[in-house]
Amino acid sequence: VRVIGIPPIPIGFDHEKGTVFLPYTKPCHGTSVVELPIDEEEVEKIRKLDTGNKK
């Protein structure tokens, strides 16, 4: 999934429910948060991404 926005895009995980939270901006309606199911291996792939913000 390609998420459009000014990087970095904030996301959150709920490991107990196996979901990820992503902001979604709908033109003329504003921004809301979407909760989607995600596999643990996908969570690890996301964690390994280089966002350029690591210190």
PDB file of N, CA and C in Angstrom:
ATOM      1  N   VAL A   1       0.850  -1.176   0.000  1.00  0.00           N
ATOM      2  CA  VAL A   1       0.000   0.000   0.000  1.00  0.00           C
ATOM      3  C   VAL A   1       0.887   1.227   0.000  1.00  0.00           C
ATOM      4  N   ARG A   2       0.614   2.162  -0.852  1.00  0.00           N
ATOM      5  CA  ARG A   2       1.339   3.434  -0.852  1.00  0.00           C
ATOM      6  C   ARG A   2       0.459   4.455  -0.137  1.00  0.00           C
ATOM      7  N   VAL A   3       0.999   5.024   0.929  1.00  0.00           N
ATOM      8  CA  VAL A   3       0.280   6.021   1.709  1.00  0.00           C
ATOM      9  C   VAL A   3       0.785   7.390   1.293  1.00  0.00           C
ATOM     10  N   ILE A   4      -0.138   8.290   0.966  1.00  0.00           N
ATOM     11  CA  ILE A   4       0.224   9.625   0.513  1.00  0.00           C
ATOM     12  C   ILE A   4       0.206  10.575   1.703  1.00  0.00           C
ATOM     13  N   GLY A   5       1.251  11.366   1.814  1.00  0.00           N
ATOM     14  CA  GLY A   5       1.330  12.348   2.885  1.00  0.00           C
ATOM     15  C   GLY A   5       2.753  12.851   3.013  1.00  0.00           C
ATOM     16  N   ILE A   6       2.949  13.802   3.897  1.00  0.00           N
ATOM     17  CA  ILE A   6       4.282  14.337   4.133  1.00  0.00           C
ATOM     18  C   ILE A   6       5.019  13.347   5.031  1.00  0.00           C
ATOM     19  N   PRO A   7       6.113  12.765   4.523  1.00  0.00           N
ATOM     20  CA  PRO A   7       6.828  11.766   5.322  1.00  0.00           C
ATOM     21  C   PRO A   7       7.490  12.385   6.544  1.00  0.00           C
ATOM     22  N   PRO A   8       7.672  11.652   7.599  1.00  0.00           N
ATOM     23  CA  PRO A   8       7.209  10.279   7.775  1.00  0.00           C
ATOM     24  C   PRO A   8       5.727  10.236   8.130  1.00  0.00           C
ATOM     25  N   ILE A   9       5.050   9.218   7.663  1.00  0.00           N
ATOM     26  CA  ILE A   9       3.633   9.006   7.975  1.00  0.00           C
ATOM     27  C   ILE A   9       3.565   8.270   9.316  1.00  0.00           C
ATOM     28  N   PRO A  10       2.910   8.843  10.326  1.00  0.00           N
ATOM     29  CA  PRO A  10       2.826   8.142  11.609  1.00  0.00           C
ATOM     30  C   PRO A  10       1.893   6.939  11.510  1.00  0.00           C
ATOM     31  N   ILE A  11       2.325   5.822  12.057  1.00  0.00           N
ATOM     32  CA  ILE A  11       1.478   4.633  12.120  1.00  0.00           C
ATOM     33  C   ILE A  11       1.589   4.047  13.518  1.00  0.00           C
ATOM     34  N   GLY A  12       0.626   3.224  13.874  1.00  0.00           N
ATOM     35  CA  GLY A  12       0.651   2.561  15.175  1.00  0.00           C
ATOM     36  C   GLY A  12       0.243   1.115  15.021  1.00  0.00           C
ATOM     37  N   PHE A  13       0.672   0.291  15.965  1.00  0.00           N
ATOM     38  CA  PHE A  13       0.347  -1.128  15.944  1.00  0.00           C
ATOM     39  C   PHE A  13      -0.377  -1.512  17.224  1.00  0.00           C
ATOM     40  N   ASP A  14      -1.351  -2.398  17.106  1.00  0.00           N
ATOM     41  CA  ASP A  14      -1.979  -3.041  18.261  1.00  0.00           C
ATOM     42  C   ASP A  14      -1.641  -4.515  18.133  1.00  0.00           C
ATOM     43  N   HIS A  15      -0.618  -4.951  18.863  1.00  0.00           N
ATOM     44  CA  HIS A  15      -0.142  -6.329  18.726  1.00  0.00           C
ATOM     45  C   HIS A  15      -1.159  -7.334  19.254  1.00  0.00           C
ATOM     46  N   GLU A  16      -1.942  -6.959  20.250  1.00  0.00           N
ATOM     47  CA  GLU A  16      -2.953  -7.871  20.796  1.00  0.00           C
ATOM     48  C   GLU A  16      -4.044  -8.166  19.774  1.00  0.00           C
ATOM     49  N   LYS A  17      -4.462  -7.147  19.039  1.00  0.00           N
ATOM     50  CA  LYS A  17      -5.515  -7.320  18.028  1.00  0.00           C
ATOM     51  C   LYS A  17      -4.959  -7.682  16.657  1.00  0.00           C
ATOM     52  N   GLY A  18      -3.645  -7.480  16.450  1.00  0.00           N
ATOM     53  CA  GLY A  18      -3.046  -7.749  15.143  1.00  0.00           C
ATOM     54  C   GLY A  18      -3.487  -6.743  14.097  1.00  0.00           C
ATOM     55  N   THR A  19      -3.470  -5.444  14.491  1.00  0.00           N
ATOM     56  CA  THR A  19      -3.895  -4.396  13.566  1.00  0.00           C
ATOM     57  C   THR A  19      -2.855  -3.281  13.497  1.00  0.00           C
ATOM     58  N   VAL A  20      -2.957  -2.504  12.422  1.00  0.00           N
ATOM     59  CA  VAL A  20      -2.124  -1.324  12.234  1.00  0.00           C
ATOM     60  C   VAL A  20      -3.066  -0.131  12.064  1.00  0.00           C
ATOM     61  N   PHE A  21      -2.653   1.029  12.573  1.00  0.00           N
ATOM     62  CA  PHE A  21      -3.423   2.262  12.460  1.00  0.00           C
ATOM     63  C   PHE A  21      -2.721   3.191  11.483  1.00  0.00           C
ATOM     64  N   LEU A  22      -3.456   3.683  10.492  1.00  0.00           N
ATOM     65  CA  LEU A  22      -2.912   4.586   9.478  1.00  0.00           C
ATOM     66  C   LEU A  22      -3.811   5.808   9.348  1.00  0.00           C
ATOM     67  N   PRO A  23      -3.221   6.999   9.198  1.00  0.00           N
ATOM     68  CA  PRO A  23      -4.053   8.165   8.925  1.00  0.00           C
ATOM     69  C   PRO A  23      -4.521   8.137   7.472  1.00  0.00           C
ATOM     70  N   TYR A  24      -5.731   8.594   7.248  1.00  0.00           N
ATOM     71  CA  TYR A  24      -6.293   8.652   5.899  1.00  0.00           C
ATOM     72  C   TYR A  24      -6.953  10.011   5.739  1.00  0.00           C
ATOM     73  N   THR A  25      -6.524  10.766   4.736  1.00  0.00           N
ATOM     74  CA  THR A  25      -7.098  12.084   4.486  1.00  0.00           C
ATOM     75  C   THR A  25      -7.989  12.021   3.264  1.00  0.00           C
ATOM     76  N   LYS A  26      -9.260  12.325   3.485  1.00  0.00           N
ATOM     77  CA  LYS A  26     -10.236  12.346   2.400  1.00  0.00           C
ATOM     78  C   LYS A  26     -10.480  13.816   2.052  1.00  0.00           C
ATOM     79  N   PRO A  27     -10.196  14.196   0.803  1.00  0.00           N
ATOM     80  CA  PRO A  27     -10.395  15.593   0.420  1.00  0.00           C
ATOM     81  C   PRO A  27     -11.797  16.089   0.787  1.00  0.00           C
ATOM     82  N   CYS A  28     -11.865  17.272   1.319  1.00  0.00           N
ATOM     83  CA  CYS A  28     -13.105  17.948   1.717  1.00  0.00           C
ATOM     84  C   CYS A  28     -13.750  17.350   2.965  1.00  0.00           C
ATOM     85  N   HIS A  29     -13.159  16.307   3.547  1.00  0.00           N
ATOM     86  CA  HIS A  29     -13.744  15.690   4.740  1.00  0.00           C
ATOM     87  C   HIS A  29     -12.769  15.615   5.904  1.00  0.00           C
ATOM     88  N   GLY A  30     -11.487  15.828   5.640  1.00  0.00           N
ATOM     89  CA  GLY A  30     -10.498  15.819   6.709  1.00  0.00           C
ATOM     90  C   GLY A  30      -9.818  14.476   6.897  1.00  0.00           C
ATOM     91  N   THR A  31      -9.067  14.391   7.978  1.00  0.00           N
ATOM     92  CA  THR A  31      -8.259  13.207   8.255  1.00  0.00           C
ATOM     93  C   THR A  31      -8.907  12.363   9.342  1.00  0.00           C
ATOM     94  N   SER A  32      -8.850  11.060   9.152  1.00  0.00           N
ATOM     95  CA  SER A  32      -9.297  10.113  10.166  1.00  0.00           C
ATOM     96  C   SER A  32      -8.271   8.993  10.239  1.00  0.00           C
ATOM     97  N   VAL A  33      -8.438   8.099  11.182  1.00  0.00           N
ATOM     98  CA  VAL A  33      -7.515   6.974  11.350  1.00  0.00           C
ATOM     99  C   VAL A  33      -8.239   5.698  10.973  1.00  0.00           C
ATOM    100  N   VAL A  34      -7.557   4.871  10.182  1.00  0.00           N
ATOM    101  CA  VAL A  34      -8.106   3.597   9.728  1.00  0.00           C
ATOM    102  C   VAL A  34      -7.351   2.480  10.443  1.00  0.00           C
ATOM    103  N   GLU A  35      -8.082   1.491  10.953  1.00  0.00           N
ATOM    104  CA  GLU A  35      -7.475   0.335  11.607  1.00  0.00           C
ATOM    105  C   GLU A  35      -7.630  -0.873  10.689  1.00  0.00           C
ATOM    106  N   LEU A  36      -6.497  -1.497  10.330  1.00  0.00           N
ATOM    107  CA  LEU A  36      -6.505  -2.620   9.393  1.00  0.00           C
ATOM    108  C   LEU A  36      -5.797  -3.826   9.996  1.00  0.00           C
ATOM    109  N   PRO A  37      -6.250  -5.045   9.660  1.00  0.00           N
ATOM    110  CA  PRO A  37      -5.543  -6.235  10.139  1.00  0.00           C
ATOM    111  C   PRO A  37      -4.181  -6.348   9.465  1.00  0.00           C
ATOM    112  N   ILE A  38      -3.201  -6.891  10.198  1.00  0.00           N
ATOM    113  CA  ILE A  38      -1.850  -7.036   9.663  1.00  0.00           C
ATOM    114  C   ILE A  38      -1.195  -8.265  10.292  1.00  0.00           C
ATOM    115  N   ASP A  39      -0.412  -8.986   9.490  1.00  0.00           N
ATOM    116  CA  ASP A  39       0.348 -10.134   9.986  1.00  0.00           C
ATOM    117  C   ASP A  39       1.603  -9.641  10.694  1.00  0.00           C
ATOM    118  N   GLU A  40       2.063 -10.403  11.669  1.00  0.00           N
ATOM    119  CA  GLU A  40       3.260 -10.020  12.426  1.00  0.00           C
ATOM    120  C   GLU A  40       4.486  -9.902  11.518  1.00  0.00           C
ATOM    121  N   GLU A  41       4.575 -10.728  10.477  1.00  0.00           N
ATOM    122  CA  GLU A  41       5.724 -10.625   9.567  1.00  0.00           C
ATOM    123  C   GLU A  41       5.704  -9.306   8.796  1.00  0.00           C
ATOM    124  N   GLU A  42       4.532  -8.778   8.506  1.00  0.00           N
ATOM    125  CA  GLU A  42       4.431  -7.470   7.850  1.00  0.00           C
ATOM    126  C   GLU A  42       4.870  -6.357   8.802  1.00  0.00           C
ATOM    127  N   VAL A  43       4.547  -6.513  10.084  1.00  0.00           N
ATOM    128  CA  VAL A  43       4.989  -5.536  11.084  1.00  0.00           C
ATOM    129  C   VAL A  43       6.514  -5.475  11.094  1.00  0.00           C
ATOM    130  N   GLU A  44       7.157  -6.633  11.057  1.00  0.00           N
ATOM    131  CA  GLU A  44       8.619  -6.677  11.064  1.00  0.00           C
ATOM    132  C   GLU A  44       9.204  -6.043   9.801  1.00  0.00           C
ATOM    133  N   LYS A  45       8.565  -6.240   8.653  1.00  0.00           N
ATOM    134  CA  LYS A  45       9.025  -5.603   7.412  1.00  0.00           C
ATOM    135  C   LYS A  45       8.968  -4.083   7.535  1.00  0.00           C
ATOM    136  N   ILE A  46       7.892  -3.580   8.121  1.00  0.00           N
ATOM    137  CA  ILE A  46       7.732  -2.134   8.297  1.00  0.00           C
ATOM    138  C   ILE A  46       8.806  -1.600   9.235  1.00  0.00           C
ATOM    139  N   ARG A  47       9.070  -2.321  10.320  1.00  0.00           N
ATOM    140  CA  ARG A  47      10.080  -1.883  11.292  1.00  0.00           C
ATOM    141  C   ARG A  47      11.467  -1.801  10.671  1.00  0.00           C
ATOM    142  N   LYS A  48      11.742  -2.637   9.681  1.00  0.00           N
ATOM    143  CA  LYS A  48      13.062  -2.670   9.051  1.00  0.00           C
ATOM    144  C   LYS A  48      13.251  -1.582   7.989  1.00  0.00           C
ATOM    145  N   LEU A  49      12.184  -0.898   7.596  1.00  0.00           N
ATOM    146  CA  LEU A  49      12.293   0.150   6.581  1.00  0.00           C
ATOM    147  C   LEU A  49      13.143   1.309   7.091  1.00  0.00           C
ATOM    148  N   ASP A  50      13.956   1.856   6.220  1.00  0.00           N
ATOM    149  CA  ASP A  50      14.778   3.016   6.556  1.00  0.00           C
ATOM    150  C   ASP A  50      13.978   4.270   6.247  1.00  0.00           C
ATOM    151  N   THR A  51      13.527   4.960   7.286  1.00  0.00           N
ATOM    152  CA  THR A  51      12.747   6.180   7.095  1.00  0.00           C
ATOM    153  C   THR A  51      13.626   7.419   7.021  1.00  0.00           C
ATOM    154  N   GLY A  52      14.922   7.246   7.265  1.00  0.00           N
ATOM    155  CA  GLY A  52      15.821   8.394   7.236  1.00  0.00           C
ATOM    156  C   GLY A  52      15.785   9.211   8.509  1.00  0.00           C
ATOM    157  N   ASN A  53      15.016   8.773   9.501  1.00  0.00           N
ATOM    158  CA  ASN A  53      14.884   9.515  10.756  1.00  0.00           C
ATOM    159  C   ASN A  53      15.580   8.836  11.923  1.00  0.00           C
ATOM    160  N   LYS A  54      16.318   7.781  11.660  1.00  0.00           N
ATOM    161  CA  LYS A  54      17.005   7.083  12.749  1.00  0.00           C
ATOM    162  C   LYS A  54      18.201   7.905  13.202  1.00  0.00           C
ATOM    163  N   LYS A  55      18.368   7.990  14.501  1.00  0.00           N
ATOM    164  CA  LYS A  55      19.469   8.791  15.050  1.00  0.00           C
ATOM    165  C   LYS A  55      20.495   7.900  15.680  1.00  0.00           C
TER     166      LYS A  55
END
